[in-house]
Amino acid sequence: MTNAAEGLVGCVGERGAVAGAVGLSSILFGVAHANNPNATLLSTVSIVLAGGMLAAGYVLTGELAVPIGPHTTWNLFQGGVYGFPVSGLGVDVSLIAVEVTGPRWVTGGAFGPEAGLLGVCAMVLGTAAIVAWVRWQTGRLEVSLAVTTPDLRGRESGEDDVDPDRWEPTP
């Protein structure tokens, strides 16, 4: 996402570059899951939405820990704890055995909750939680400089030119 945003920033500005990078990475995230067992068009669209939720954490903080934590936790609890399929992949052992009943558009069916209305609701709540957490931690909401100008590329003008009103994550 950083490479896409960095490459697009000169053509479409910072906001457009970030929006394009989020869109592109979310679509790639959905397509990467499209060949999983029991995948459907609905499951792929839902996974694209999940990509947007996970991207929000990175875009607002510049830290990969924010999307990695929820993604790992979702997969662990969905499969290993509750016994639901994880993106179409069955789980052989879980702490709780469940039997999925109800319409597939609500439950996600054999693909897992992220392919149904329950998963979409979780993604909306997850995005809201990420935004609230960032706001609580930093007092503001804006795109992290790390998304469009990563440290490894260097800032030719030096650290002194960084806008002090823009939040950057601490190392």
N, C-alpha and C. Protein backbone atom coordinates (compact mmCIF):
# COMPACT_ATOMS: atom_id res chain seq x y z
N MET A 1 0.83 -1.18 0.00
CA MET A 1 0.00 0.00 0.00
C MET A 1 0.88 1.25 0.00
N THR A 2 1.97 1.20 0.75
CA THR A 2 2.86 2.35 0.79
C THR A 2 3.47 2.61 -0.57
N ASN A 3 3.90 1.57 -1.26
CA ASN A 3 4.49 1.76 -2.59
C ASN A 3 3.48 2.37 -3.56
N ALA A 4 2.24 1.89 -3.51
CA ALA A 4 1.22 2.44 -4.39
C ALA A 4 0.94 3.90 -4.06
N ALA A 5 0.80 4.21 -2.78
CA ALA A 5 0.53 5.60 -2.38
C ALA A 5 1.68 6.51 -2.75
N GLU A 6 2.90 6.05 -2.51
CA GLU A 6 4.08 6.85 -2.84
C GLU A 6 4.14 7.12 -4.34
N GLY A 7 3.81 6.10 -5.12
CA GLY A 7 3.84 6.26 -6.57
C GLY A 7 2.73 7.15 -7.10
N LEU A 8 1.58 7.14 -6.47
CA LEU A 8 0.43 7.91 -6.94
C LEU A 8 0.41 9.35 -6.46
N VAL A 9 1.13 9.66 -5.39
CA VAL A 9 1.00 10.98 -4.75
C VAL A 9 1.30 12.13 -5.71
N GLY A 10 2.24 11.97 -6.62
CA GLY A 10 2.56 13.03 -7.57
C GLY A 10 1.49 13.24 -8.62
N CYS A 11 0.71 12.22 -8.90
CA CYS A 11 -0.33 12.30 -9.94
C CYS A 11 -1.67 12.79 -9.40
N VAL A 12 -2.05 12.33 -8.22
CA VAL A 12 -3.40 12.60 -7.72
C VAL A 12 -3.42 13.26 -6.35
N GLY A 13 -2.28 13.66 -5.82
CA GLY A 13 -2.22 14.27 -4.51
C GLY A 13 -2.26 13.23 -3.41
N GLU A 14 -2.03 13.71 -2.19
CA GLU A 14 -1.93 12.78 -1.06
C GLU A 14 -3.23 12.02 -0.80
N ARG A 15 -4.35 12.72 -0.74
CA ARG A 15 -5.63 12.04 -0.46
C ARG A 15 -5.98 11.04 -1.55
N GLY A 16 -5.83 11.45 -2.80
CA GLY A 16 -6.13 10.55 -3.91
C GLY A 16 -5.22 9.35 -3.93
N ALA A 17 -3.93 9.58 -3.60
CA ALA A 17 -2.98 8.48 -3.58
C ALA A 17 -3.32 7.47 -2.50
N VAL A 18 -3.68 7.97 -1.33
CA VAL A 18 -4.04 7.07 -0.23
C VAL A 18 -5.33 6.32 -0.57
N ALA A 19 -6.32 7.03 -1.08
CA ALA A 19 -7.57 6.37 -1.47
C ALA A 19 -7.32 5.30 -2.54
N GLY A 20 -6.51 5.62 -3.52
CA GLY A 20 -6.19 4.65 -4.57
C GLY A 20 -5.44 3.45 -4.03
N ALA A 21 -4.49 3.70 -3.13
CA ALA A 21 -3.71 2.61 -2.54
C ALA A 21 -4.58 1.71 -1.67
N VAL A 22 -5.49 2.33 -0.89
CA VAL A 22 -6.41 1.53 -0.07
C VAL A 22 -7.30 0.69 -0.97
N GLY A 23 -7.86 1.30 -2.01
CA GLY A 23 -8.72 0.57 -2.94
C GLY A 23 -7.98 -0.59 -3.60
N LEU A 24 -6.79 -0.31 -4.11
CA LEU A 24 -6.01 -1.34 -4.79
C LEU A 24 -5.63 -2.48 -3.84
N SER A 25 -5.13 -2.14 -2.65
CA SER A 25 -4.72 -3.20 -1.73
C SER A 25 -5.93 -4.00 -1.23
N SER A 26 -7.07 -3.33 -1.04
CA SER A 26 -8.27 -4.04 -0.60
C SER A 26 -8.78 -4.99 -1.67
N ILE A 27 -8.75 -4.56 -2.91
CA ILE A 27 -9.16 -5.44 -4.02
C ILE A 27 -8.22 -6.63 -4.12
N LEU A 28 -6.92 -6.39 -4.02
CA LEU A 28 -5.96 -7.50 -4.06
C LEU A 28 -6.17 -8.46 -2.90
N PHE A 29 -6.51 -7.93 -1.73
CA PHE A 29 -6.80 -8.77 -0.56
C PHE A 29 -8.02 -9.65 -0.84
N GLY A 30 -9.05 -9.07 -1.44
CA GLY A 30 -10.24 -9.85 -1.80
C GLY A 30 -9.95 -10.90 -2.85
N VAL A 31 -9.21 -10.52 -3.88
CA VAL A 31 -8.87 -11.46 -4.96
C VAL A 31 -8.00 -12.59 -4.43
N ALA A 32 -7.12 -12.30 -3.47
CA ALA A 32 -6.27 -13.34 -2.89
C ALA A 32 -7.08 -14.41 -2.18
N HIS A 33 -8.28 -14.07 -1.73
CA HIS A 33 -9.15 -15.03 -1.05
C HIS A 33 -10.22 -15.62 -1.99
N ALA A 34 -10.27 -15.17 -3.23
CA ALA A 34 -11.34 -15.56 -4.14
C ALA A 34 -11.30 -17.03 -4.55
N ASN A 35 -10.15 -17.66 -4.47
CA ASN A 35 -10.05 -19.08 -4.83
C ASN A 35 -10.12 -20.01 -3.63
N ASN A 36 -10.38 -19.45 -2.45
CA ASN A 36 -10.52 -20.30 -1.27
C ASN A 36 -11.76 -21.19 -1.42
N PRO A 37 -11.79 -22.31 -0.72
CA PRO A 37 -12.99 -23.17 -0.78
C PRO A 37 -14.24 -22.39 -0.38
N ASN A 38 -15.33 -22.66 -1.06
CA ASN A 38 -16.65 -22.07 -0.79
C ASN A 38 -16.72 -20.56 -1.05
N ALA A 39 -15.74 -20.01 -1.76
CA ALA A 39 -15.75 -18.57 -2.06
C ALA A 39 -16.83 -18.26 -3.09
N THR A 40 -17.43 -17.09 -2.91
CA THR A 40 -18.46 -16.59 -3.83
C THR A 40 -18.13 -15.12 -4.14
N LEU A 41 -18.91 -14.54 -5.01
CA LEU A 41 -18.74 -13.12 -5.29
C LEU A 41 -18.98 -12.31 -4.01
N LEU A 42 -20.00 -12.70 -3.24
CA LEU A 42 -20.29 -12.00 -1.98
C LEU A 42 -19.14 -12.12 -0.99
N SER A 43 -18.54 -13.30 -0.89
CA SER A 43 -17.42 -13.46 0.05
C SER A 43 -16.24 -12.61 -0.39
N THR A 44 -16.00 -12.52 -1.69
CA THR A 44 -14.89 -11.72 -2.20
C THR A 44 -15.12 -10.24 -1.93
N VAL A 45 -16.34 -9.77 -2.14
CA VAL A 45 -16.66 -8.37 -1.85
C VAL A 45 -16.51 -8.09 -0.36
N SER A 46 -16.93 -9.02 0.47
CA SER A 46 -16.79 -8.85 1.91
C SER A 46 -15.33 -8.79 2.33
N ILE A 47 -14.49 -9.61 1.71
CA ILE A 47 -13.07 -9.59 2.04
C ILE A 47 -12.44 -8.28 1.56
N VAL A 48 -12.91 -7.73 0.46
CA VAL A 48 -12.45 -6.40 0.03
C VAL A 48 -12.78 -5.37 1.11
N LEU A 49 -13.99 -5.45 1.69
CA LEU A 49 -14.35 -4.55 2.78
C LEU A 49 -13.44 -4.76 4.00
N ALA A 50 -13.11 -6.00 4.28
CA ALA A 50 -12.19 -6.29 5.39
C ALA A 50 -10.83 -5.65 5.12
N GLY A 51 -10.40 -5.69 3.87
CA GLY A 51 -9.14 -5.04 3.50
C GLY A 51 -9.19 -3.54 3.78
N GLY A 52 -10.34 -2.93 3.53
CA GLY A 52 -10.51 -1.51 3.85
C GLY A 52 -10.43 -1.25 5.33
N MET A 53 -11.03 -2.13 6.13
CA MET A 53 -10.96 -1.98 7.59
C MET A 53 -9.52 -2.08 8.06
N LEU A 54 -8.80 -3.08 7.58
CA LEU A 54 -7.42 -3.26 8.00
C LEU A 54 -6.54 -2.12 7.50
N ALA A 55 -6.82 -1.61 6.31
CA ALA A 55 -6.05 -0.49 5.77
C ALA A 55 -6.24 0.76 6.61
N ALA A 56 -7.41 0.94 7.19
CA ALA A 56 -7.68 2.14 8.00
C ALA A 56 -6.68 2.25 9.14
N GLY A 57 -6.38 1.15 9.78
CA GLY A 57 -5.42 1.19 10.88
C GLY A 57 -4.04 1.61 10.43
N TYR A 58 -3.60 1.11 9.28
CA TYR A 58 -2.28 1.48 8.77
C TYR A 58 -2.27 2.93 8.29
N VAL A 59 -3.30 3.33 7.59
CA VAL A 59 -3.36 4.69 7.05
C VAL A 59 -3.34 5.73 8.16
N LEU A 60 -4.02 5.45 9.26
CA LEU A 60 -4.12 6.43 10.34
C LEU A 60 -2.92 6.44 11.28
N THR A 61 -2.13 5.35 11.28
CA THR A 61 -1.01 5.27 12.22
C THR A 61 0.34 5.08 11.55
N GLY A 62 0.37 4.51 10.36
CA GLY A 62 1.64 4.18 9.73
C GLY A 62 2.28 2.94 10.35
N GLU A 63 1.57 2.26 11.20
CA GLU A 63 2.08 1.09 11.92
C GLU A 63 1.38 -0.17 11.42
N LEU A 64 2.15 -1.18 11.02
CA LEU A 64 1.57 -2.44 10.56
C LEU A 64 0.94 -3.25 11.69
N ALA A 65 1.33 -2.98 12.91
CA ALA A 65 0.76 -3.72 14.05
C ALA A 65 -0.75 -3.52 14.14
N VAL A 66 -1.24 -2.37 13.73
CA VAL A 66 -2.67 -2.10 13.85
C VAL A 66 -3.49 -3.02 12.94
N PRO A 67 -3.16 -3.21 11.68
CA PRO A 67 -3.93 -4.18 10.90
C PRO A 67 -3.57 -5.64 11.20
N ILE A 68 -2.32 -5.91 11.54
CA ILE A 68 -1.91 -7.30 11.80
C ILE A 68 -2.62 -7.85 13.04
N GLY A 69 -2.73 -7.05 14.09
CA GLY A 69 -3.39 -7.51 15.32
C GLY A 69 -4.82 -7.94 15.10
N PRO A 70 -5.68 -7.06 14.56
CA PRO A 70 -7.07 -7.48 14.32
C PRO A 70 -7.20 -8.65 13.35
N HIS A 71 -6.36 -8.69 12.32
CA HIS A 71 -6.45 -9.79 11.34
C HIS A 71 -6.11 -11.12 12.01
N THR A 72 -5.04 -11.14 12.78
CA THR A 72 -4.64 -12.36 13.47
C THR A 72 -5.69 -12.78 14.50
N THR A 73 -6.18 -11.80 15.26
CA THR A 73 -7.19 -12.08 16.28
C THR A 73 -8.46 -12.61 15.65
N TRP A 74 -8.91 -11.99 14.55
CA TRP A 74 -10.12 -12.45 13.86
C TRP A 74 -9.97 -13.91 13.45
N ASN A 75 -8.88 -14.23 12.78
CA ASN A 75 -8.68 -15.60 12.30
C ASN A 75 -8.58 -16.58 13.47
N LEU A 76 -7.85 -16.21 14.51
CA LEU A 76 -7.67 -17.11 15.65
C LEU A 76 -9.00 -17.39 16.35
N PHE A 77 -9.74 -16.34 16.66
CA PHE A 77 -10.98 -16.54 17.40
C PHE A 77 -12.07 -17.15 16.53
N GLN A 78 -12.15 -16.72 15.29
CA GLN A 78 -13.17 -17.27 14.40
C GLN A 78 -12.99 -18.76 14.21
N GLY A 79 -11.76 -19.19 14.01
CA GLY A 79 -11.50 -20.60 13.77
C GLY A 79 -11.15 -21.39 15.01
N GLY A 80 -10.03 -21.04 15.64
CA GLY A 80 -9.49 -21.82 16.75
C GLY A 80 -10.32 -21.79 18.01
N VAL A 81 -11.06 -20.72 18.24
CA VAL A 81 -11.86 -20.62 19.45
C VAL A 81 -13.31 -21.02 19.15
N TYR A 82 -13.93 -20.36 18.17
CA TYR A 82 -15.36 -20.58 17.93
C TYR A 82 -15.66 -21.69 16.93
N GLY A 83 -14.69 -22.11 16.14
CA GLY A 83 -14.90 -23.23 15.23
C GLY A 83 -15.56 -22.90 13.91
N PHE A 84 -15.68 -21.62 13.58
CA PHE A 84 -16.22 -21.23 12.28
C PHE A 84 -15.17 -21.43 11.20
N PRO A 85 -15.59 -21.63 9.96
CA PRO A 85 -14.62 -21.63 8.87
C PRO A 85 -13.93 -20.26 8.79
N VAL A 86 -12.67 -20.25 8.41
CA VAL A 86 -11.90 -19.02 8.27
C VAL A 86 -11.63 -18.81 6.78
N SER A 87 -12.33 -17.89 6.18
CA SER A 87 -12.18 -17.59 4.75
C SER A 87 -12.30 -18.85 3.90
N GLY A 88 -13.26 -19.68 4.24
CA GLY A 88 -13.54 -20.89 3.48
C GLY A 88 -12.75 -22.11 3.92
N LEU A 89 -11.78 -21.91 4.77
CA LEU A 89 -10.94 -23.02 5.22
C LEU A 89 -11.51 -23.57 6.53
N GLY A 90 -11.75 -24.86 6.54
CA GLY A 90 -12.30 -25.49 7.73
C GLY A 90 -11.27 -25.55 8.84
N VAL A 91 -11.75 -25.68 10.05
CA VAL A 91 -10.89 -25.77 11.22
C VAL A 91 -11.15 -27.13 11.85
N ASP A 92 -10.08 -27.89 12.07
CA ASP A 92 -10.25 -29.24 12.61
C ASP A 92 -10.47 -29.26 14.12
N VAL A 93 -9.87 -28.31 14.83
CA VAL A 93 -9.95 -28.29 16.28
C VAL A 93 -10.29 -26.88 16.74
N SER A 94 -11.26 -26.78 17.66
CA SER A 94 -11.60 -25.49 18.24
C SER A 94 -12.05 -25.68 19.67
N LEU A 95 -12.06 -24.61 20.43
CA LEU A 95 -12.50 -24.70 21.82
C LEU A 95 -14.01 -24.89 21.92
N ILE A 96 -14.74 -24.30 20.98
CA ILE A 96 -16.20 -24.37 20.98
C ILE A 96 -16.64 -24.96 19.64
N ALA A 97 -17.54 -25.91 19.68
CA ALA A 97 -18.08 -26.49 18.45
C ALA A 97 -19.38 -25.76 18.10
N VAL A 98 -19.47 -25.30 16.87
CA VAL A 98 -20.66 -24.58 16.43
C VAL A 98 -21.27 -25.27 15.22
N GLU A 99 -22.54 -25.05 15.05
CA GLU A 99 -23.24 -25.49 13.84
C GLU A 99 -23.88 -24.25 13.24
N VAL A 100 -23.46 -23.92 12.04
CA VAL A 100 -23.95 -22.71 11.39
C VAL A 100 -25.33 -23.00 10.80
N THR A 101 -26.31 -22.20 11.22
CA THR A 101 -27.66 -22.31 10.66
C THR A 101 -28.12 -20.90 10.29
N GLY A 102 -29.03 -20.84 9.38
CA GLY A 102 -29.55 -19.55 8.94
C GLY A 102 -29.13 -19.24 7.52
N PRO A 103 -29.67 -18.18 6.97
CA PRO A 103 -29.37 -17.84 5.58
C PRO A 103 -27.89 -17.53 5.39
N ARG A 104 -27.35 -18.00 4.29
CA ARG A 104 -25.93 -17.80 3.98
C ARG A 104 -25.57 -16.31 3.93
N TRP A 105 -26.50 -15.47 3.44
CA TRP A 105 -26.20 -14.04 3.33
C TRP A 105 -26.04 -13.39 4.70
N VAL A 106 -26.55 -14.04 5.74
CA VAL A 106 -26.41 -13.53 7.11
C VAL A 106 -25.19 -14.17 7.79
N THR A 107 -25.07 -15.48 7.69
CA THR A 107 -24.03 -16.21 8.43
C THR A 107 -22.71 -16.36 7.69
N GLY A 108 -22.74 -16.24 6.37
CA GLY A 108 -21.54 -16.49 5.58
C GLY A 108 -21.41 -17.93 5.15
N GLY A 109 -22.24 -18.80 5.72
CA GLY A 109 -22.26 -20.21 5.33
C GLY A 109 -20.92 -20.89 5.50
N ALA A 110 -20.58 -21.74 4.55
CA ALA A 110 -19.37 -22.55 4.63
C ALA A 110 -18.09 -21.74 4.46
N PHE A 111 -18.19 -20.49 3.99
CA PHE A 111 -17.00 -19.65 3.85
C PHE A 111 -16.59 -19.07 5.20
N GLY A 112 -17.56 -18.82 6.05
CA GLY A 112 -17.29 -18.21 7.36
C GLY A 112 -18.00 -16.88 7.51
N PRO A 113 -18.06 -16.38 8.72
CA PRO A 113 -18.82 -15.17 9.01
C PRO A 113 -18.46 -13.95 8.18
N GLU A 114 -17.21 -13.84 7.75
CA GLU A 114 -16.84 -12.64 6.99
C GLU A 114 -17.55 -12.55 5.64
N ALA A 115 -18.19 -13.63 5.21
CA ALA A 115 -18.90 -13.61 3.93
C ALA A 115 -20.38 -13.30 4.08
N GLY A 116 -20.81 -12.96 5.27
CA GLY A 116 -22.22 -12.66 5.50
C GLY A 116 -22.41 -11.33 6.20
N LEU A 117 -23.65 -11.01 6.46
CA LEU A 117 -24.00 -9.75 7.11
C LEU A 117 -23.33 -9.62 8.49
N LEU A 118 -23.19 -10.72 9.20
CA LEU A 118 -22.51 -10.67 10.50
C LEU A 118 -21.08 -10.18 10.36
N GLY A 119 -20.39 -10.67 9.35
CA GLY A 119 -19.01 -10.24 9.12
C GLY A 119 -18.93 -8.79 8.69
N VAL A 120 -19.85 -8.38 7.82
CA VAL A 120 -19.86 -6.98 7.37
C VAL A 120 -20.09 -6.06 8.57
N CYS A 121 -21.01 -6.44 9.45
CA CYS A 121 -21.25 -5.64 10.67
C CYS A 121 -20.00 -5.60 11.54
N ALA A 122 -19.30 -6.72 11.65
CA ALA A 122 -18.06 -6.75 12.42
C ALA A 122 -17.01 -5.84 11.81
N MET A 123 -16.97 -5.78 10.49
CA MET A 123 -16.01 -4.90 9.81
C MET A 123 -16.33 -3.43 10.05
N VAL A 124 -17.60 -3.09 10.02
CA VAL A 124 -18.01 -1.70 10.28
C VAL A 124 -17.66 -1.33 11.72
N LEU A 125 -17.99 -2.22 12.67
CA LEU A 125 -17.65 -1.97 14.08
C LEU A 125 -16.13 -1.94 14.28
N GLY A 126 -15.42 -2.82 13.59
CA GLY A 126 -13.96 -2.85 13.69
C GLY A 126 -13.33 -1.56 13.18
N THR A 127 -13.84 -1.07 12.06
CA THR A 127 -13.33 0.19 11.52
C THR A 127 -13.61 1.33 12.49
N ALA A 128 -14.82 1.37 13.03
CA ALA A 128 -15.17 2.41 14.00
C ALA A 128 -14.27 2.31 15.24
N ALA A 129 -13.98 1.10 15.69
CA ALA A 129 -13.11 0.92 16.86
C ALA A 129 -11.69 1.39 16.57
N ILE A 130 -11.19 1.09 15.39
CA ILE A 130 -9.84 1.54 15.02
C ILE A 130 -9.79 3.06 14.98
N VAL A 131 -10.77 3.67 14.35
CA VAL A 131 -10.82 5.13 14.26
C VAL A 131 -10.91 5.74 15.65
N ALA A 132 -11.77 5.19 16.51
CA ALA A 132 -11.92 5.72 17.87
C ALA A 132 -10.63 5.55 18.66
N TRP A 133 -9.97 4.42 18.51
CA TRP A 133 -8.72 4.19 19.23
C TRP A 133 -7.65 5.18 18.79
N VAL A 134 -7.50 5.38 17.48
CA VAL A 134 -6.50 6.33 16.98
C VAL A 134 -6.82 7.73 17.50
N ARG A 135 -8.08 8.11 17.45
CA ARG A 135 -8.48 9.44 17.93
C ARG A 135 -8.17 9.58 19.43
N TRP A 136 -8.44 8.54 20.19
CA TRP A 136 -8.19 8.56 21.63
C TRP A 136 -6.69 8.64 21.91
N GLN A 137 -5.89 7.90 21.14
CA GLN A 137 -4.44 7.87 21.36
C GLN A 137 -3.74 9.16 20.94
N THR A 138 -4.21 9.76 19.83
CA THR A 138 -3.48 10.88 19.23
C THR A 138 -4.21 12.22 19.34
N GLY A 139 -5.51 12.18 19.56
CA GLY A 139 -6.28 13.41 19.60
C GLY A 139 -6.65 13.94 18.24
N ARG A 140 -6.30 13.21 17.18
CA ARG A 140 -6.63 13.66 15.81
C ARG A 140 -6.74 12.45 14.87
N LEU A 141 -7.29 12.71 13.71
CA LEU A 141 -7.42 11.69 12.66
C LEU A 141 -6.90 12.27 11.36
N GLU A 142 -5.81 11.73 10.90
CA GLU A 142 -5.29 12.13 9.59
C GLU A 142 -4.34 11.06 9.08
N VAL A 143 -4.05 11.15 7.81
CA VAL A 143 -3.19 10.18 7.16
C VAL A 143 -1.78 10.31 7.71
N SER A 144 -1.20 9.19 8.10
CA SER A 144 0.18 9.18 8.57
C SER A 144 1.12 9.48 7.42
N LEU A 145 2.14 10.28 7.68
CA LEU A 145 3.14 10.57 6.66
C LEU A 145 3.82 9.30 6.16
N ALA A 146 3.90 8.27 6.99
CA ALA A 146 4.56 7.03 6.61
C ALA A 146 3.88 6.35 5.43
N VAL A 147 2.62 6.65 5.17
CA VAL A 147 1.91 6.00 4.07
C VAL A 147 2.39 6.53 2.72
N THR A 148 2.60 7.83 2.62
CA THR A 148 2.98 8.41 1.33
C THR A 148 4.46 8.75 1.24
N THR A 149 5.15 8.84 2.36
CA THR A 149 6.58 9.16 2.37
C THR A 149 7.26 8.28 3.40
N PRO A 150 7.53 7.03 3.05
CA PRO A 150 8.11 6.12 4.04
C PRO A 150 9.51 6.55 4.44
N ASP A 151 9.88 6.27 5.69
CA ASP A 151 11.19 6.65 6.21
C ASP A 151 12.33 6.05 5.41
N LEU A 152 12.16 4.86 4.90
CA LEU A 152 13.24 4.22 4.16
C LEU A 152 13.57 4.96 2.86
N ARG A 153 12.66 5.74 2.35
CA ARG A 153 12.93 6.53 1.15
C ARG A 153 13.68 7.80 1.51
N GLY A 154 13.58 8.19 2.76
CA GLY A 154 14.27 9.39 3.23
C GLY A 154 13.54 10.65 2.83
N ARG A 155 13.65 11.61 3.67
CA ARG A 155 13.10 12.92 3.36
C ARG A 155 14.29 13.81 3.07
N GLU A 156 14.43 14.21 1.83
CA GLU A 156 15.60 14.96 1.42
C GLU A 156 15.77 16.26 2.19
N SER A 157 14.68 16.86 2.61
CA SER A 157 14.78 18.14 3.32
C SER A 157 15.04 17.94 4.81
N GLY A 158 15.02 16.73 5.31
CA GLY A 158 15.35 16.46 6.70
C GLY A 158 14.15 16.46 7.62
N GLU A 159 14.38 15.98 8.81
CA GLU A 159 13.31 15.86 9.80
C GLU A 159 12.74 17.19 10.24
N ASP A 160 13.54 18.27 10.15
CA ASP A 160 13.07 19.57 10.61
C ASP A 160 11.90 20.10 9.81
N ASP A 161 11.70 19.59 8.59
CA ASP A 161 10.63 20.09 7.74
C ASP A 161 9.32 19.35 7.94
N VAL A 162 9.27 18.37 8.84
CA VAL A 162 8.04 17.64 9.10
C VAL A 162 7.07 18.57 9.82
N ASP A 163 5.85 18.61 9.36
CA ASP A 163 4.83 19.47 9.95
C ASP A 163 4.53 19.00 11.37
N PRO A 164 4.76 19.84 12.39
CA PRO A 164 4.53 19.39 13.77
C PRO A 164 3.07 19.15 14.10
N ASP A 165 2.16 19.66 13.26
CA ASP A 165 0.73 19.44 13.51
C ASP A 165 0.25 18.11 12.97
N ARG A 166 1.10 17.40 12.25
CA ARG A 166 0.73 16.08 11.72
C ARG A 166 1.32 15.02 12.61
N TRP A 167 0.48 14.09 13.02
CA TRP A 167 0.92 13.05 13.91
C TRP A 167 1.75 12.03 13.16
N GLU A 168 2.88 11.62 13.76
CA GLU A 168 3.66 10.52 13.24
C GLU A 168 3.85 9.54 14.39
N PRO A 169 3.77 8.25 14.09
CA PRO A 169 3.94 7.27 15.16
C PRO A 169 5.35 7.34 15.76
N THR A 170 5.46 7.09 17.03
CA THR A 170 6.76 7.06 17.67
C THR A 170 7.37 5.68 17.47
N PRO A 171 8.68 5.62 17.31
CA PRO A 171 9.33 4.31 17.07
C PRO A 171 9.25 3.40 18.28
